């Protein structure tokens, strides 16, 4: 199990090395904005008790 986890970490680090720090930061910023948007949508959706389906 530990060997598989270590391999996965190595593969992730290798994949990320293909991107510049600026590209990684832009992606992280995008994910943060996406999460904020989804949170706001869910608050609105559940404000009155949830979906009416």
Protein backbone atom coordinates (compact mmCIF):
# COMPACT_ATOMS: atom_id res chain seq x y z
CA UNK A 1 0.00 0.00 0.00
CA UNK A 2 2.74 2.43 0.99
CA UNK A 3 4.69 1.69 -2.21
CA UNK A 4 1.61 2.43 -4.32
CA UNK A 5 1.05 5.70 -2.46
CA UNK A 6 4.70 6.70 -2.92
CA UNK A 7 4.43 5.87 -6.62
CA UNK A 8 1.31 8.00 -6.91
CA UNK A 9 3.02 10.94 -5.23
CA UNK A 10 5.99 10.61 -7.58
CA UNK A 11 3.70 10.48 -10.61
CA UNK A 12 1.77 13.54 -9.45
CA UNK A 13 4.98 15.51 -8.88
CA UNK A 14 6.23 14.47 -12.31
CA UNK A 15 2.98 15.52 -13.97
CA UNK A 16 2.97 18.89 -12.20
CA UNK A 17 6.54 19.59 -13.24
CA UNK A 18 5.24 19.94 -16.81
CA UNK A 19 3.53 23.20 -15.78
CA UNK A 20 5.07 26.47 -14.73
CA UNK A 21 4.40 27.81 -11.23
CA UNK A 22 2.35 30.60 -12.83
CA UNK A 23 0.13 28.08 -14.65
CA UNK A 24 -0.38 26.10 -11.46
CA UNK A 25 -1.28 29.30 -9.58
CA UNK A 26 -3.79 30.32 -12.28
CA UNK A 27 -5.40 26.89 -12.05
CA UNK A 28 -5.55 27.05 -8.24
CA UNK A 29 -7.11 30.53 -8.49
CA UNK A 30 -9.67 29.21 -10.97
CA UNK A 31 -10.56 26.31 -8.67
CA UNK A 32 -10.96 28.75 -5.77
CA UNK A 33 -13.32 30.96 -7.81
CA UNK A 34 -15.25 27.91 -8.99
CA UNK A 35 -15.68 26.70 -5.42
CA UNK A 36 -16.89 30.14 -4.30
CA UNK A 37 -19.39 30.20 -7.15
CA UNK A 38 -20.66 26.71 -6.36
CA UNK A 39 -20.94 27.56 -2.67
CA UNK A 40 -22.98 30.67 -3.50
CA UNK A 41 -25.24 28.70 -5.82
CA UNK A 42 -25.83 26.02 -3.20
CA UNK A 43 -26.62 28.61 -0.52
CA UNK A 44 -29.17 30.14 -2.86
CA UNK A 45 -30.59 26.73 -3.82
CA UNK A 46 -31.02 25.61 -0.21
CA UNK A 47 -32.08 28.96 1.23
CA UNK A 48 -35.75 28.01 1.21
CA UNK A 49 -35.39 24.34 2.09
CA UNK A 50 -33.73 22.84 -0.94
CA UNK A 51 -34.61 21.83 -4.47
CA UNK A 52 -38.26 21.31 -5.26
CA UNK A 53 -37.91 18.20 -7.38
